Amino acid sequence: MPEPPTSPKVQFNVYLPRPLITRIKHLAVDEGQSLSALVERALTEYADRQEAAR
């Protein structure tokens, strides 16, 4: 279930391989969005697919 767009943001730290972080940062810049926005979108899409498969 997607969160409403007005949900407060909180910090969430994860450890990822440096090459993946570099790729994601470049994608965010190429798409003109923040790293946080790109990660939020990716995780939302993943969670939505997983929940729909249940």
PDB file of N, CA and C in Angstrom:
ATOM      1  N   MET A   1       0.855  -1.178   0.000  1.00  0.00           N
ATOM      2  CA  MET A   1       0.000   0.000   0.000  1.00  0.00           C
ATOM      3  C   MET A   1       0.898   1.238   0.000  1.00  0.00           C
ATOM      4  N   PRO A   2       0.775   2.116  -0.992  1.00  0.00           N
ATOM      5  CA  PRO A   2       1.626   3.315  -1.054  1.00  0.00           C
ATOM      6  C   PRO A   2       1.336   4.275   0.080  1.00  0.00           C
ATOM      7  N   GLU A   3       2.372   4.928   0.525  1.00  0.00           N
ATOM      8  CA  GLU A   3       2.236   5.960   1.554  1.00  0.00           C
ATOM      9  C   GLU A   3       1.685   7.232   0.919  1.00  0.00           C
ATOM     10  N   PRO A   4       0.891   7.991   1.652  1.00  0.00           N
ATOM     11  CA  PRO A   4       0.438   9.276   1.121  1.00  0.00           C
ATOM     12  C   PRO A   4       1.632  10.196   0.880  1.00  0.00           C
ATOM     13  N   PRO A   5       1.556  11.062  -0.134  1.00  0.00           N
ATOM     14  CA  PRO A   5       2.692  11.922  -0.444  1.00  0.00           C
ATOM     15  C   PRO A   5       3.089  12.866   0.686  1.00  0.00           C
ATOM     16  N   THR A   6       2.211  13.076   1.653  1.00  0.00           N
ATOM     17  CA  THR A   6       2.507  13.992   2.750  1.00  0.00           C
ATOM     18  C   THR A   6       3.116  13.285   3.955  1.00  0.00           C
ATOM     19  N   SER A   7       3.439  11.999   3.834  1.00  0.00           N
ATOM     20  CA  SER A   7       4.047  11.281   4.953  1.00  0.00           C
ATOM     21  C   SER A   7       5.374  11.929   5.319  1.00  0.00           C
ATOM     22  N   PRO A   8       5.651  12.067   6.619  1.00  0.00           N
ATOM     23  CA  PRO A   8       6.937  12.665   7.007  1.00  0.00           C
ATOM     24  C   PRO A   8       8.086  11.752   6.592  1.00  0.00           C
ATOM     25  N   LYS A   9       9.207  12.352   6.281  1.00  0.00           N
ATOM     26  CA  LYS A   9      10.392  11.609   5.871  1.00  0.00           C
ATOM     27  C   LYS A   9      11.266  11.357   7.095  1.00  0.00           C
ATOM     28  N   VAL A  10      11.853  10.178   7.152  1.00  0.00           N
ATOM     29  CA  VAL A  10      12.795   9.834   8.216  1.00  0.00           C
ATOM     30  C   VAL A  10      14.047   9.253   7.575  1.00  0.00           C
ATOM     31  N   GLN A  11      15.151   9.347   8.275  1.00  0.00           N
ATOM     32  CA  GLN A  11      16.413   8.838   7.758  1.00  0.00           C
ATOM     33  C   GLN A  11      16.458   7.327   7.902  1.00  0.00           C
ATOM     34  N   PHE A  12      17.027   6.668   6.870  1.00  0.00           N
ATOM     35  CA  PHE A  12      17.126   5.215   6.841  1.00  0.00           C
ATOM     36  C   PHE A  12      18.480   4.865   6.231  1.00  0.00           C
ATOM     37  N   ASN A  13      19.378   4.356   7.031  1.00  0.00           N
ATOM     38  CA  ASN A  13      20.735   4.073   6.556  1.00  0.00           C
ATOM     39  C   ASN A  13      20.866   2.613   6.150  1.00  0.00           C
ATOM     40  N   VAL A  14      21.460   2.387   4.995  1.00  0.00           N
ATOM     41  CA  VAL A  14      21.760   1.031   4.530  1.00  0.00           C
ATOM     42  C   VAL A  14      23.193   1.012   4.000  1.00  0.00           C
ATOM     43  N   TYR A  15      23.797  -0.158   4.008  1.00  0.00           N
ATOM     44  CA  TYR A  15      25.135  -0.320   3.469  1.00  0.00           C
ATOM     45  C   TYR A  15      25.029  -1.057   2.143  1.00  0.00           C
ATOM     46  N   LEU A  16      25.560  -0.448   1.091  1.00  0.00           N
ATOM     47  CA  LEU A  16      25.504  -1.006  -0.251  1.00  0.00           C
ATOM     48  C   LEU A  16      26.897  -0.986  -0.861  1.00  0.00           C
ATOM     49  N   PRO A  17      27.132  -1.844  -1.855  1.00  0.00           N
ATOM     50  CA  PRO A  17      28.433  -1.805  -2.535  1.00  0.00           C
ATOM     51  C   PRO A  17      28.645  -0.449  -3.209  1.00  0.00           C
ATOM     52  N   ARG A  18      29.857   0.059  -3.117  1.00  0.00           N
ATOM     53  CA  ARG A  18      30.176   1.373  -3.682  1.00  0.00           C
ATOM     54  C   ARG A  18      29.793   1.485  -5.164  1.00  0.00           C
ATOM     55  N   PRO A  19      30.075   0.459  -5.995  1.00  0.00           N
ATOM     56  CA  PRO A  19      29.697   0.597  -7.414  1.00  0.00           C
ATOM     57  C   PRO A  19      28.189   0.792  -7.624  1.00  0.00           C
ATOM     58  N   LEU A  20      27.374   0.146  -6.788  1.00  0.00           N
ATOM     59  CA  LEU A  20      25.929   0.333  -6.902  1.00  0.00           C
ATOM     60  C   LEU A  20      25.541   1.756  -6.513  1.00  0.00           C
ATOM     61  N   ILE A  21      26.123   2.270  -5.467  1.00  0.00           N
ATOM     62  CA  ILE A  21      25.837   3.644  -5.045  1.00  0.00           C
ATOM     63  C   ILE A  21      26.199   4.623  -6.157  1.00  0.00           C
ATOM     64  N   THR A  22      27.347   4.406  -6.783  1.00  0.00           N
ATOM     65  CA  THR A  22      27.773   5.276  -7.879  1.00  0.00           C
ATOM     66  C   THR A  22      26.774   5.231  -9.021  1.00  0.00           C
ATOM     67  N   ARG A  23      26.339   4.025  -9.387  1.00  0.00           N
ATOM     68  CA  ARG A  23      25.346   3.884 -10.470  1.00  0.00           C
ATOM     69  C   ARG A  23      24.057   4.628 -10.142  1.00  0.00           C
ATOM     70  N   ILE A  24      23.575   4.456  -8.907  1.00  0.00           N
ATOM     71  CA  ILE A  24      22.310   5.071  -8.503  1.00  0.00           C
ATOM     72  C   ILE A  24      22.435   6.589  -8.472  1.00  0.00           C
ATOM     73  N   LYS A  25      23.561   7.096  -7.993  1.00  0.00           N
ATOM     74  CA  LYS A  25      23.773   8.548  -7.973  1.00  0.00           C
ATOM     75  C   LYS A  25      23.759   9.113  -9.389  1.00  0.00           C
ATOM     76  N   HIS A  26      24.419   8.427 -10.308  1.00  0.00           N
ATOM     77  CA  HIS A  26      24.446   8.890 -11.702  1.00  0.00           C
ATOM     78  C   HIS A  26      23.054   8.836 -12.333  1.00  0.00           C
ATOM     79  N   LEU A  27      22.306   7.786 -12.041  1.00  0.00           N
ATOM     80  CA  LEU A  27      20.936   7.704 -12.561  1.00  0.00           C
ATOM     81  C   LEU A  27      20.084   8.855 -12.041  1.00  0.00           C
ATOM     82  N   ALA A  28      20.211   9.166 -10.763  1.00  0.00           N
ATOM     83  CA  ALA A  28      19.435  10.260 -10.178  1.00  0.00           C
ATOM     84  C   ALA A  28      19.766  11.580 -10.871  1.00  0.00           C
ATOM     85  N   VAL A  29      21.051  11.838 -11.078  1.00  0.00           N
ATOM     86  CA  VAL A  29      21.459  13.070 -11.763  1.00  0.00           C
ATOM     87  C   VAL A  29      20.912  13.091 -13.186  1.00  0.00           C
ATOM     88  N   ASP A  30      21.052  11.971 -13.904  1.00  0.00           N
ATOM     89  CA  ASP A  30      20.567  11.887 -15.283  1.00  0.00           C
ATOM     90  C   ASP A  30      19.062  12.125 -15.378  1.00  0.00           C
ATOM     91  N   GLU A  31      18.331  11.693 -14.348  1.00  0.00           N
ATOM     92  CA  GLU A  31      16.877  11.848 -14.339  1.00  0.00           C
ATOM     93  C   GLU A  31      16.435  13.165 -13.694  1.00  0.00           C
ATOM     94  N   GLY A  32      17.388  13.941 -13.205  1.00  0.00           N
ATOM     95  CA  GLY A  32      17.060  15.238 -12.617  1.00  0.00           C
ATOM     96  C   GLY A  32      16.305  15.141 -11.308  1.00  0.00           C
ATOM     97  N   GLN A  33      16.607  14.131 -10.520  1.00  0.00           N
ATOM     98  CA  GLN A  33      15.934  13.989  -9.236  1.00  0.00           C
ATOM     99  C   GLN A  33      16.958  13.711  -8.147  1.00  0.00           C
ATOM    100  N   SER A  34      16.518  13.824  -6.919  1.00  0.00           N
ATOM    101  CA  SER A  34      17.426  13.566  -5.806  1.00  0.00           C
ATOM    102  C   SER A  34      17.651  12.070  -5.650  1.00  0.00           C
ATOM    103  N   LEU A  35      18.749  11.741  -4.998  1.00  0.00           N
ATOM    104  CA  LEU A  35      19.039  10.339  -4.697  1.00  0.00           C
ATOM    105  C   LEU A  35      17.916   9.755  -3.841  1.00  0.00           C
ATOM    106  N   SER A  36      17.450  10.516  -2.881  1.00  0.00           N
ATOM    107  CA  SER A  36      16.361  10.040  -2.014  1.00  0.00           C
ATOM    108  C   SER A  36      15.096   9.745  -2.816  1.00  0.00           C
ATOM    109  N   ALA A  37      14.768  10.620  -3.766  1.00  0.00           N
ATOM    110  CA  ALA A  37      13.566  10.412  -4.575  1.00  0.00           C
ATOM    111  C   ALA A  37      13.688   9.153  -5.422  1.00  0.00           C
ATOM    112  N   LEU A  38      14.867   8.931  -6.006  1.00  0.00           N
ATOM    113  CA  LEU A  38      15.070   7.745  -6.827  1.00  0.00           C
ATOM    114  C   LEU A  38      14.958   6.476  -5.983  1.00  0.00           C
ATOM    115  N   VAL A  39      15.589   6.457  -4.826  1.00  0.00           N
ATOM    116  CA  VAL A  39      15.538   5.280  -3.950  1.00  0.00           C
ATOM    117  C   VAL A  39      14.115   5.060  -3.451  1.00  0.00           C
ATOM    118  N   GLU A  40      13.417   6.128  -3.101  1.00  0.00           N
ATOM    119  CA  GLU A  40      12.029   5.995  -2.654  1.00  0.00           C
ATOM    120  C   GLU A  40      11.171   5.364  -3.747  1.00  0.00           C
ATOM    121  N   ARG A  41      11.334   5.841  -4.974  1.00  0.00           N
ATOM    122  CA  ARG A  41      10.557   5.304  -6.092  1.00  0.00           C
ATOM    123  C   ARG A  41      10.891   3.833  -6.326  1.00  0.00           C
ATOM    124  N   ALA A  42      12.175   3.490  -6.305  1.00  0.00           N
ATOM    125  CA  ALA A  42      12.591   2.105  -6.534  1.00  0.00           C
ATOM    126  C   ALA A  42      12.038   1.173  -5.455  1.00  0.00           C
ATOM    127  N   LEU A  43      12.142   1.578  -4.204  1.00  0.00           N
ATOM    128  CA  LEU A  43      11.649   0.736  -3.114  1.00  0.00           C
ATOM    129  C   LEU A  43      10.129   0.622  -3.125  1.00  0.00           C
ATOM    130  N   THR A  44       9.454   1.709  -3.463  1.00  0.00           N
ATOM    131  CA  THR A  44       7.989   1.676  -3.557  1.00  0.00           C
ATOM    132  C   THR A  44       7.542   0.713  -4.648  1.00  0.00           C
ATOM    133  N   GLU A  45       8.190   0.803  -5.821  1.00  0.00           N
ATOM    134  CA  GLU A  45       7.835  -0.089  -6.924  1.00  0.00           C
ATOM    135  C   GLU A  45       8.099  -1.546  -6.546  1.00  0.00           C
ATOM    136  N   TYR A  46       9.211  -1.797  -5.895  1.00  0.00           N
ATOM    137  CA  TYR A  46       9.538  -3.164  -5.474  1.00  0.00           C
ATOM    138  C   TYR A  46       8.498  -3.682  -4.463  1.00  0.00           C
ATOM    139  N   ALA A  47       8.198  -2.880  -3.453  1.00  0.00           N
ATOM    140  CA  ALA A  47       7.231  -3.299  -2.437  1.00  0.00           C
ATOM    141  C   ALA A  47       5.853  -3.531  -3.050  1.00  0.00           C
ATOM    142  N   ASP A  48       5.453  -2.663  -3.969  1.00  0.00           N
ATOM    143  CA  ASP A  48       4.154  -2.828  -4.635  1.00  0.00           C
ATOM    144  C   ASP A  48       4.091  -4.140  -5.407  1.00  0.00           C
ATOM    145  N   ARG A  49       5.173  -4.482  -6.144  1.00  0.00           N
ATOM    146  CA  ARG A  49       5.202  -5.739  -6.898  1.00  0.00           C
ATOM    147  C   ARG A  49       5.147  -6.939  -5.967  1.00  0.00           C
ATOM    148  N   GLN A  50       5.896  -6.885  -4.884  1.00  0.00           N
ATOM    149  CA  GLN A  50       5.913  -8.004  -3.942  1.00  0.00           C
ATOM    150  C   GLN A  50       4.556  -8.206  -3.290  1.00  0.00           C
ATOM    151  N   GLU A  51       3.918  -7.109  -2.908  1.00  0.00           N
ATOM    152  CA  GLU A  51       2.606  -7.220  -2.260  1.00  0.00           C
ATOM    153  C   GLU A  51       1.543  -7.700  -3.237  1.00  0.00           C
ATOM    154  N   ALA A  52       1.653  -7.304  -4.495  1.00  0.00           N
ATOM    155  CA  ALA A  52       0.678  -7.730  -5.502  1.00  0.00           C
ATOM    156  C   ALA A  52       0.814  -9.225  -5.800  1.00  0.00           C
ATOM    157  N   ALA A  53       2.008  -9.761  -5.609  1.00  0.00           N
ATOM    158  CA  ALA A  53       2.260 -11.180  -5.900  1.00  0.00           C
ATOM    159  C   ALA A  53       1.735 -12.102  -4.800  1.00  0.00           C
ATOM    160  N   ARG A  54       1.348 -11.549  -3.689  1.00  0.00           N
ATOM    161  CA  ARG A  54       0.858 -12.365  -2.572  1.00  0.00           C
ATOM    162  C   ARG A  54      -0.546 -12.852  -2.793  1.00  0.00           C
TER     163      ARG A  54
END
